[in-house]
Amino acid sequence: MAISIRASRRRFAVREQFEGGFPTACRRCLACPIATDCQRWLEGGGADAAPSFCPNAAFLNRVRTSAGP
């Protein structure tokens, strides 16, 4: 999903010190109870932002490359 919404690896690293960053997002993703919905969303081509049903949506949207610094 991070790739699909053009998340910035640099922003992942910066955010990590404040909110658990990439490792926490990965754990949330692996434990997600709605992985089937996510898979369908990804197969549909994704979008410019993470879907609202994603537990990582707020984090992913903050680290998008098209977002501000």
PDB file of N, CA and C in Angstrom:
ATOM      1  N   MET A   1       0.830  -1.185   0.000  1.00  0.00           N
ATOM      2  CA  MET A   1       0.000   0.000   0.000  1.00  0.00           C
ATOM      3  C   MET A   1       0.873   1.247   0.000  1.00  0.00           C
ATOM      4  N   ALA A   2       1.959   1.226   0.746  1.00  0.00           N
ATOM      5  CA  ALA A   2       2.847   2.389   0.803  1.00  0.00           C
ATOM      6  C   ALA A   2       3.341   2.761  -0.597  1.00  0.00           C
ATOM      7  N   ILE A   3       3.685   1.776  -1.385  1.00  0.00           N
ATOM      8  CA  ILE A   3       4.137   2.029  -2.751  1.00  0.00           C
ATOM      9  C   ILE A   3       2.992   2.584  -3.583  1.00  0.00           C
ATOM     10  N   SER A   4       1.823   2.019  -3.403  1.00  0.00           N
ATOM     11  CA  SER A   4       0.651   2.423  -4.180  1.00  0.00           C
ATOM     12  C   SER A   4       0.300   3.899  -3.998  1.00  0.00           C
ATOM     13  N   ILE A   5       0.525   4.442  -2.808  1.00  0.00           N
ATOM     14  CA  ILE A   5       0.188   5.851  -2.572  1.00  0.00           C
ATOM     15  C   ILE A   5       1.427   6.748  -2.606  1.00  0.00           C
ATOM     16  N   ARG A   6       2.555   6.210  -3.071  1.00  0.00           N
ATOM     17  CA  ARG A   6       3.806   6.955  -3.194  1.00  0.00           C
ATOM     18  C   ARG A   6       4.308   7.500  -1.850  1.00  0.00           C
ATOM     19  N   ALA A   7       4.369   6.632  -0.860  1.00  0.00           N
ATOM     20  CA  ALA A   7       4.888   7.036   0.457  1.00  0.00           C
ATOM     21  C   ALA A   7       6.398   7.231   0.372  1.00  0.00           C
ATOM     22  N   SER A   8       6.898   8.207   1.068  1.00  0.00           N
ATOM     23  CA  SER A   8       8.315   8.547   1.062  1.00  0.00           C
ATOM     24  C   SER A   8       9.061   7.762   2.137  1.00  0.00           C
ATOM     25  N   ARG A   9      10.092   7.042   1.743  1.00  0.00           N
ATOM     26  CA  ARG A   9      10.904   6.293   2.725  1.00  0.00           C
ATOM     27  C   ARG A   9      11.568   7.255   3.703  1.00  0.00           C
ATOM     28  N   ARG A  10      11.982   8.407   3.231  1.00  0.00           N
ATOM     29  CA  ARG A  10      12.608   9.399   4.109  1.00  0.00           C
ATOM     30  C   ARG A  10      11.620   9.853   5.174  1.00  0.00           C
ATOM     31  N   ARG A  11      10.383  10.080   4.792  1.00  0.00           N
ATOM     32  CA  ARG A  11       9.376  10.503   5.766  1.00  0.00           C
ATOM     33  C   ARG A  11       9.040   9.387   6.738  1.00  0.00           C
ATOM     34  N   PHE A  12       9.108   8.123   6.271  1.00  0.00           N
ATOM     35  CA  PHE A  12       8.920   7.000   7.187  1.00  0.00           C
ATOM     36  C   PHE A  12       9.927   7.113   8.317  1.00  0.00           C
ATOM     37  N   ALA A  13      11.194   7.347   7.969  1.00  0.00           N
ATOM     38  CA  ALA A  13      12.264   7.408   8.961  1.00  0.00           C
ATOM     39  C   ALA A  13      12.057   8.563   9.933  1.00  0.00           C
ATOM     40  N   VAL A  14      11.663   9.709   9.425  1.00  0.00           N
ATOM     41  CA  VAL A  14      11.443  10.880  10.280  1.00  0.00           C
ATOM     42  C   VAL A  14      10.277  10.636  11.227  1.00  0.00           C
ATOM     43  N   ARG A  15       9.190  10.095  10.730  1.00  0.00           N
ATOM     44  CA  ARG A  15       8.008   9.848  11.551  1.00  0.00           C
ATOM     45  C   ARG A  15       8.241   8.751  12.575  1.00  0.00           C
ATOM     46  N   GLU A  16       9.158   7.859  12.279  1.00  0.00           N
ATOM     47  CA  GLU A  16       9.382   6.705  13.156  1.00  0.00           C
ATOM     48  C   GLU A  16       9.699   7.129  14.588  1.00  0.00           C
ATOM     49  N   GLN A  17      10.464   8.167  14.757  1.00  0.00           N
ATOM     50  CA  GLN A  17      10.821   8.586  16.101  1.00  0.00           C
ATOM     51  C   GLN A  17       9.627   9.120  16.874  1.00  0.00           C
ATOM     52  N   PHE A  18       8.572   9.519  16.187  1.00  0.00           N
ATOM     53  CA  PHE A  18       7.415  10.097  16.856  1.00  0.00           C
ATOM     54  C   PHE A  18       6.254   9.133  17.060  1.00  0.00           C
ATOM     55  N   GLU A  19       6.044   8.210  16.143  1.00  0.00           N
ATOM     56  CA  GLU A  19       4.844   7.374  16.237  1.00  0.00           C
ATOM     57  C   GLU A  19       5.074   5.908  15.907  1.00  0.00           C
ATOM     58  N   GLY A  20       6.271   5.432  16.058  1.00  0.00           N
ATOM     59  CA  GLY A  20       6.537   4.026  15.811  1.00  0.00           C
ATOM     60  C   GLY A  20       6.915   3.737  14.374  1.00  0.00           C
ATOM     61  N   GLY A  21       6.563   4.603  13.463  1.00  0.00           N
ATOM     62  CA  GLY A  21       6.958   4.529  12.067  1.00  0.00           C
ATOM     63  C   GLY A  21       6.682   3.233  11.348  1.00  0.00           C
ATOM     64  N   PHE A  22       7.592   2.919  10.449  1.00  0.00           N
ATOM     65  CA  PHE A  22       7.422   1.788   9.549  1.00  0.00           C
ATOM     66  C   PHE A  22       7.254   0.452  10.276  1.00  0.00           C
ATOM     67  N   PRO A  23       8.057   0.153  11.297  1.00  0.00           N
ATOM     68  CA  PRO A  23       7.872  -1.135  11.991  1.00  0.00           C
ATOM     69  C   PRO A  23       6.458  -1.286  12.570  1.00  0.00           C
ATOM     70  N   THR A  24       5.936  -0.225  13.158  1.00  0.00           N
ATOM     71  CA  THR A  24       4.585  -0.283  13.724  1.00  0.00           C
ATOM     72  C   THR A  24       3.552  -0.452  12.616  1.00  0.00           C
ATOM     73  N   ALA A  25       3.736   0.277  11.513  1.00  0.00           N
ATOM     74  CA  ALA A  25       2.810   0.155  10.379  1.00  0.00           C
ATOM     75  C   ALA A  25       2.822  -1.269   9.836  1.00  0.00           C
ATOM     76  N   CYS A  26       3.999  -1.875   9.761  1.00  0.00           N
ATOM     77  CA  CYS A  26       4.097  -3.264   9.283  1.00  0.00           C
ATOM     78  C   CYS A  26       3.360  -4.226  10.208  1.00  0.00           C
ATOM     79  N   ARG A  27       3.533  -4.040  11.511  1.00  0.00           N
ATOM     80  CA  ARG A  27       2.836  -4.923  12.466  1.00  0.00           C
ATOM     81  C   ARG A  27       1.321  -4.764  12.334  1.00  0.00           C
ATOM     82  N   ARG A  28       0.861  -3.521  12.197  1.00  0.00           N
ATOM     83  CA  ARG A  28      -0.585  -3.298  12.009  1.00  0.00           C
ATOM     84  C   ARG A  28      -1.078  -3.990  10.750  1.00  0.00           C
ATOM     85  N   CYS A  29      -0.303  -3.886   9.691  1.00  0.00           N
ATOM     86  CA  CYS A  29      -0.685  -4.488   8.417  1.00  0.00           C
ATOM     87  C   CYS A  29      -0.751  -6.016   8.528  1.00  0.00           C
ATOM     88  N   LEU A  30       0.270  -6.600   9.127  1.00  0.00           N
ATOM     89  CA  LEU A  30       0.305  -8.059   9.255  1.00  0.00           C
ATOM     90  C   LEU A  30      -0.825  -8.604  10.127  1.00  0.00           C
ATOM     91  N   ALA A  31      -1.277  -7.828  11.091  1.00  0.00           N
ATOM     92  CA  ALA A  31      -2.342  -8.263  11.990  1.00  0.00           C
ATOM     93  C   ALA A  31      -3.721  -7.763  11.558  1.00  0.00           C
ATOM     94  N   CYS A  32      -3.813  -7.154  10.414  1.00  0.00           N
ATOM     95  CA  CYS A  32      -5.057  -6.520   9.970  1.00  0.00           C
ATOM     96  C   CYS A  32      -6.188  -7.537   9.763  1.00  0.00           C
ATOM     97  N   PRO A  33      -7.350  -7.261  10.359  1.00  0.00           N
ATOM     98  CA  PRO A  33      -8.483  -8.163  10.195  1.00  0.00           C
ATOM     99  C   PRO A  33      -9.223  -7.962   8.865  1.00  0.00           C
ATOM    100  N   ILE A  34      -8.852  -6.930   8.118  1.00  0.00           N
ATOM    101  CA  ILE A  34      -9.544  -6.669   6.843  1.00  0.00           C
ATOM    102  C   ILE A  34      -8.575  -6.718   5.665  1.00  0.00           C
ATOM    103  N   ALA A  35      -7.629  -7.643   5.724  1.00  0.00           N
ATOM    104  CA  ALA A  35      -6.625  -7.783   4.675  1.00  0.00           C
ATOM    105  C   ALA A  35      -7.257  -8.054   3.306  1.00  0.00           C
ATOM    106  N   THR A  36      -8.387  -8.732   3.280  1.00  0.00           N
ATOM    107  CA  THR A  36      -9.061  -9.023   2.009  1.00  0.00           C
ATOM    108  C   THR A  36      -9.508  -7.724   1.331  1.00  0.00           C
ATOM    109  N   ASP A  37     -10.027  -6.787   2.120  1.00  0.00           N
ATOM    110  CA  ASP A  37     -10.436  -5.490   1.564  1.00  0.00           C
ATOM    111  C   ASP A  37      -9.228  -4.750   1.000  1.00  0.00           C
ATOM    112  N   CYS A  38      -8.130  -4.819   1.715  1.00  0.00           N
ATOM    113  CA  CYS A  38      -6.899  -4.171   1.276  1.00  0.00           C
ATOM    114  C   CYS A  38      -6.425  -4.784  -0.039  1.00  0.00           C
ATOM    115  N   GLN A  39      -6.432  -6.086  -0.119  1.00  0.00           N
ATOM    116  CA  GLN A  39      -5.995  -6.760  -1.336  1.00  0.00           C
ATOM    117  C   GLN A  39      -6.847  -6.336  -2.520  1.00  0.00           C
ATOM    118  N   ARG A  40      -8.151  -6.268  -2.324  1.00  0.00           N
ATOM    119  CA  ARG A  40      -9.045  -5.812  -3.404  1.00  0.00           C
ATOM    120  C   ARG A  40      -8.713  -4.384  -3.816  1.00  0.00           C
ATOM    121  N   TRP A  41      -8.456  -3.533  -2.824  1.00  0.00           N
ATOM    122  CA  TRP A  41      -8.135  -2.139  -3.097  1.00  0.00           C
ATOM    123  C   TRP A  41      -6.845  -2.041  -3.910  1.00  0.00           C
ATOM    124  N   LEU A  42      -5.838  -2.814  -3.511  1.00  0.00           N
ATOM    125  CA  LEU A  42      -4.567  -2.809  -4.224  1.00  0.00           C
ATOM    126  C   LEU A  42      -4.718  -3.348  -5.643  1.00  0.00           C
ATOM    127  N   GLU A  43      -5.497  -4.402  -5.807  1.00  0.00           N
ATOM    128  CA  GLU A  43      -5.722  -4.971  -7.137  1.00  0.00           C
ATOM    129  C   GLU A  43      -6.467  -3.995  -8.038  1.00  0.00           C
ATOM    130  N   GLY A  44      -7.257  -3.112  -7.433  1.00  0.00           N
ATOM    131  CA  GLY A  44      -8.001  -2.115  -8.197  1.00  0.00           C
ATOM    132  C   GLY A  44      -7.143  -0.927  -8.614  1.00  0.00           C
ATOM    133  N   GLY A  45      -5.869  -0.944  -8.268  1.00  0.00           N
ATOM    134  CA  GLY A  45      -4.975   0.113  -8.703  1.00  0.00           C
ATOM    135  C   GLY A  45      -4.656   1.150  -7.649  1.00  0.00           C
ATOM    136  N   GLY A  46      -5.273   1.064  -6.487  1.00  0.00           N
ATOM    137  CA  GLY A  46      -4.976   2.022  -5.430  1.00  0.00           C
ATOM    138  C   GLY A  46      -5.530   3.401  -5.727  1.00  0.00           C
ATOM    139  N   ALA A  47      -4.938   4.397  -5.121  1.00  0.00           N
ATOM    140  CA  ALA A  47      -5.400   5.775  -5.270  1.00  0.00           C
ATOM    141  C   ALA A  47      -4.300   6.710  -4.790  1.00  0.00           C
ATOM    142  N   ASP A  48      -4.635   7.975  -4.694  1.00  0.00           N
ATOM    143  CA  ASP A  48      -3.657   8.963  -4.235  1.00  0.00           C
ATOM    144  C   ASP A  48      -3.510   8.989  -2.723  1.00  0.00           C
ATOM    145  N   ALA A  49      -4.361   8.287  -2.025  1.00  0.00           N
ATOM    146  CA  ALA A  49      -4.303   8.244  -0.564  1.00  0.00           C
ATOM    147  C   ALA A  49      -4.719   6.855  -0.098  1.00  0.00           C
ATOM    148  N   ALA A  50      -4.308   6.519   1.098  1.00  0.00           N
ATOM    149  CA  ALA A  50      -4.711   5.228   1.666  1.00  0.00           C
ATOM    150  C   ALA A  50      -6.225   5.230   1.888  1.00  0.00           C
ATOM    151  N   PRO A  51      -6.856   4.074   1.743  1.00  0.00           N
ATOM    152  CA  PRO A  51      -8.300   4.011   1.948  1.00  0.00           C
ATOM    153  C   PRO A  51      -8.662   4.223   3.419  1.00  0.00           C
ATOM    154  N   SER A  52      -9.814   4.768   3.645  1.00  0.00           N
ATOM    155  CA  SER A  52     -10.236   5.098   5.009  1.00  0.00           C
ATOM    156  C   SER A  52     -10.347   3.871   5.910  1.00  0.00           C
ATOM    157  N   PHE A  53     -10.558   2.688   5.341  1.00  0.00           N
ATOM    158  CA  PHE A  53     -10.693   1.485   6.168  1.00  0.00           C
ATOM    159  C   PHE A  53      -9.342   0.975   6.685  1.00  0.00           C
ATOM    160  N   CYS A  54      -8.248   1.501   6.186  1.00  0.00           N
ATOM    161  CA  CYS A  54      -6.915   1.022   6.557  1.00  0.00           C
ATOM    162  C   CYS A  54      -6.500   1.532   7.937  1.00  0.00           C
ATOM    163  N   PRO A  55      -6.084   0.641   8.840  1.00  0.00           N
ATOM    164  CA  PRO A  55      -5.623   1.070  10.159  1.00  0.00           C
ATOM    165  C   PRO A  55      -4.386   1.977  10.087  1.00  0.00           C
ATOM    166  N   ASN A  56      -3.645   1.923   8.989  1.00  0.00           N
ATOM    167  CA  ASN A  56      -2.461   2.753   8.793  1.00  0.00           C
ATOM    168  C   ASN A  56      -2.730   3.990   7.944  1.00  0.00           C
ATOM    169  N   ALA A  57      -3.957   4.255   7.607  1.00  0.00           N
ATOM    170  CA  ALA A  57      -4.282   5.345   6.675  1.00  0.00           C
ATOM    171  C   ALA A  57      -3.698   6.692   7.101  1.00  0.00           C
ATOM    172  N   ALA A  58      -3.895   7.077   8.330  1.00  0.00           N
ATOM    173  CA  ALA A  58      -3.402   8.387   8.779  1.00  0.00           C
ATOM    174  C   ALA A  58      -1.882   8.470   8.640  1.00  0.00           C
ATOM    175  N   PHE A  59      -1.185   7.427   9.081  1.00  0.00           N
ATOM    176  CA  PHE A  59       0.270   7.406   8.983  1.00  0.00           C
ATOM    177  C   PHE A  59       0.718   7.442   7.525  1.00  0.00           C
ATOM    178  N   LEU A  60       0.156   6.564   6.705  1.00  0.00           N
ATOM    179  CA  LEU A  60       0.556   6.498   5.300  1.00  0.00           C
ATOM    180  C   LEU A  60       0.293   7.808   4.569  1.00  0.00           C
ATOM    181  N   ASN A  61      -0.830   8.428   4.844  1.00  0.00           N
ATOM    182  CA  ASN A  61      -1.138   9.691   4.179  1.00  0.00           C
ATOM    183  C   ASN A  61      -0.186  10.803   4.598  1.00  0.00           C
ATOM    184  N   ARG A  62       0.328  10.729   5.817  1.00  0.00           N
ATOM    185  CA  ARG A  62       1.297  11.738   6.265  1.00  0.00           C
ATOM    186  C   ARG A  62       2.658  11.555   5.636  1.00  0.00           C
ATOM    187  N   VAL A  63       3.002  10.349   5.212  1.00  0.00           N
ATOM    188  CA  VAL A  63       4.323  10.112   4.650  1.00  0.00           C
ATOM    189  C   VAL A  63       4.319  10.032   3.113  1.00  0.00           C
ATOM    190  N   ARG A  64       3.236  10.408   2.502  1.00  0.00           N
ATOM    191  CA  ARG A  64       3.169  10.410   1.037  1.00  0.00           C
ATOM    192  C   ARG A  64       4.182  11.387   0.467  1.00  0.00           C
ATOM    193  N   THR A  65       4.778  11.040  -0.671  1.00  0.00           N
ATOM    194  CA  THR A  65       5.793  11.898  -1.292  1.00  0.00           C
ATOM    195  C   THR A  65       5.194  13.198  -1.811  1.00  0.00           C
ATOM    196  N   SER A  66       3.925  13.192  -2.151  1.00  0.00           N
ATOM    197  CA  SER A  66       3.311  14.415  -2.673  1.00  0.00           C
ATOM    198  C   SER A  66       2.835  15.329  -1.572  1.00  0.00           C
ATOM    199  N   ALA A  67       2.936  14.877  -0.335  1.00  0.00           N
ATOM    200  CA  ALA A  67       2.546  15.725   0.810  1.00  0.00           C
ATOM    201  C   ALA A  67       3.645  16.731   1.072  1.00  0.00           C
ATOM    202  N   GLY A  68       3.359  17.712   1.883  1.00  0.00           N
ATOM    203  CA  GLY A  68       4.346  18.741   2.216  1.00  0.00           C
ATOM    204  C   GLY A  68       5.536  18.160   2.968  1.00  0.00           C
ATOM    205  N   PRO A  69       6.545  18.977   3.258  1.00  0.00           N
ATOM    206  CA  PRO A  69       7.767  18.482   3.913  1.00  0.00           C
ATOM    207  C   PRO A  69       7.540  17.935   5.301  1.00  0.00           C
TER     208      PRO A  69
END
